[in-house]
Amino acid sequence: MYKITHLEVKPGFILYLTFANKISGEVSLADRLFGPMFEPLRDPNFFAQAELDEFGAVCWPNGADLAPDALYRNIKASQKCLVF
C-alpha cells in the first residue's frame, strides 16, 4: 500500500500529493465529484477541508475518502516516462 505523507489542496478541486517513496503529483477531481458521498465536495470550502488519516488516505469530514493506491496509479499514469 502506498502512504500519502503530504497533502495540499489547490483551487479547481486539485490535490497535490506526496507519497512516502517521494513520488508526487497532482490529481484533479473536478469531474469525479458525484454520488452521495462526493457531491458535498463540490463546495470549494468543503473540498478544502481534506486531510490525511492515520493510514495516509485523503478524507473529508463527511466520511468521503480516497484510496492512496488509486491516487498513486493516477499520478504515475500521468507522468511521462523517458527511455534512453
Protein backbone atom coordinates (compact mmCIF):
# COMPACT_ATOMS: atom_id res chain seq x y z
CA MET A 1 0.00 0.00 0.00
CA TYR A 2 1.20 3.49 -0.82
CA LYS A 3 1.03 6.03 2.01
CA ILE A 4 0.46 9.72 1.36
CA THR A 5 2.71 11.84 3.56
CA HIS A 6 1.80 15.32 2.32
CA LEU A 7 -1.44 16.80 1.04
CA GLU A 8 -2.02 20.22 -0.44
CA VAL A 9 -5.45 21.32 -1.67
CA LYS A 10 -5.29 23.57 -4.73
CA PRO A 11 -8.00 25.60 -6.49
CA GLY A 12 -10.11 23.80 -9.08
CA PHE A 13 -10.60 20.63 -7.00
CA ILE A 14 -6.97 19.58 -7.35
CA LEU A 15 -4.96 17.65 -4.77
CA TYR A 16 -1.17 17.82 -4.74
CA LEU A 17 0.10 14.65 -3.07
CA THR A 18 3.47 13.35 -1.95
CA PHE A 19 3.88 9.67 -1.11
CA ALA A 20 6.29 8.03 1.33
CA ASN A 21 8.50 6.93 -1.59
CA LYS A 22 8.85 10.63 -2.64
CA ILE A 23 6.64 10.30 -5.75
CA SER A 24 4.47 13.41 -6.00
CA GLY A 25 1.97 14.96 -8.35
CA GLU A 26 -1.46 16.46 -8.85
CA VAL A 27 -4.81 14.75 -9.17
CA SER A 28 -7.84 16.66 -10.46
CA LEU A 29 -11.16 15.57 -9.01
CA ALA A 30 -13.21 18.24 -10.80
CA ASP A 31 -15.06 15.73 -12.99
CA ARG A 32 -15.32 12.98 -10.36
CA LEU A 33 -17.35 14.62 -7.60
CA PHE A 34 -20.68 12.84 -7.95
CA GLY A 35 -22.71 10.46 -5.85
CA PRO A 36 -23.96 10.89 -2.29
CA MET A 37 -20.52 10.91 -0.63
CA PHE A 38 -18.70 13.14 -3.10
CA GLU A 39 -21.31 15.70 -4.17
CA PRO A 40 -20.77 17.76 -0.97
CA LEU A 41 -17.13 18.15 -2.08
CA ARG A 42 -18.31 20.34 -4.98
CA ASP A 43 -18.37 23.17 -2.45
CA PRO A 44 -14.80 24.53 -2.64
CA ASN A 45 -14.80 25.38 1.08
CA PHE A 46 -15.77 21.83 1.98
CA PHE A 47 -13.30 20.34 -0.51
CA ALA A 48 -10.56 22.40 1.16
CA GLN A 49 -11.19 20.50 4.41
CA ALA A 50 -9.38 17.45 3.02
CA GLU A 51 -6.86 15.90 5.37
CA LEU A 52 -4.86 12.71 5.77
CA ASP A 53 -5.99 9.96 8.10
CA GLU A 54 -3.64 7.72 10.10
CA PHE A 55 -3.29 5.36 7.13
CA GLY A 56 -2.26 8.08 4.67
CA ALA A 57 -5.62 8.25 2.88
CA VAL A 58 -7.28 11.53 1.86
CA CYS A 59 -10.52 12.04 3.79
CA TRP A 60 -13.20 14.66 4.47
CA PRO A 61 -15.44 15.36 7.48
CA ASN A 62 -18.47 13.68 5.84
CA GLY A 63 -16.66 10.32 5.64
CA ALA A 64 -15.67 10.55 1.97
CA ASP A 65 -12.20 9.17 1.37
CA LEU A 66 -9.86 8.27 -1.46
CA ALA A 67 -7.64 5.21 -1.54
CA PRO A 68 -3.93 6.04 -1.73
CA ASP A 69 -3.28 3.19 -4.19
CA ALA A 70 -5.72 4.57 -6.76
CA LEU A 71 -4.32 8.09 -6.39
CA TYR A 72 -0.77 6.75 -6.79
CA ARG A 73 -1.69 4.91 -10.00
CA ASN A 74 -3.37 8.06 -11.32
CA ILE A 75 -0.26 10.14 -10.70
CA LYS A 76 2.11 7.53 -12.15
CA ALA A 77 -0.06 7.18 -15.28
CA SER A 78 0.01 10.94 -15.86
CA GLN A 79 3.80 11.18 -15.61
CA LYS A 80 5.75 10.85 -18.82
CA CYS A 81 8.41 8.18 -18.87
CA LEU A 82 11.53 8.76 -20.93
CA VAL A 83 13.57 5.83 -22.20
CA PHE A 84 17.23 6.38 -23.10
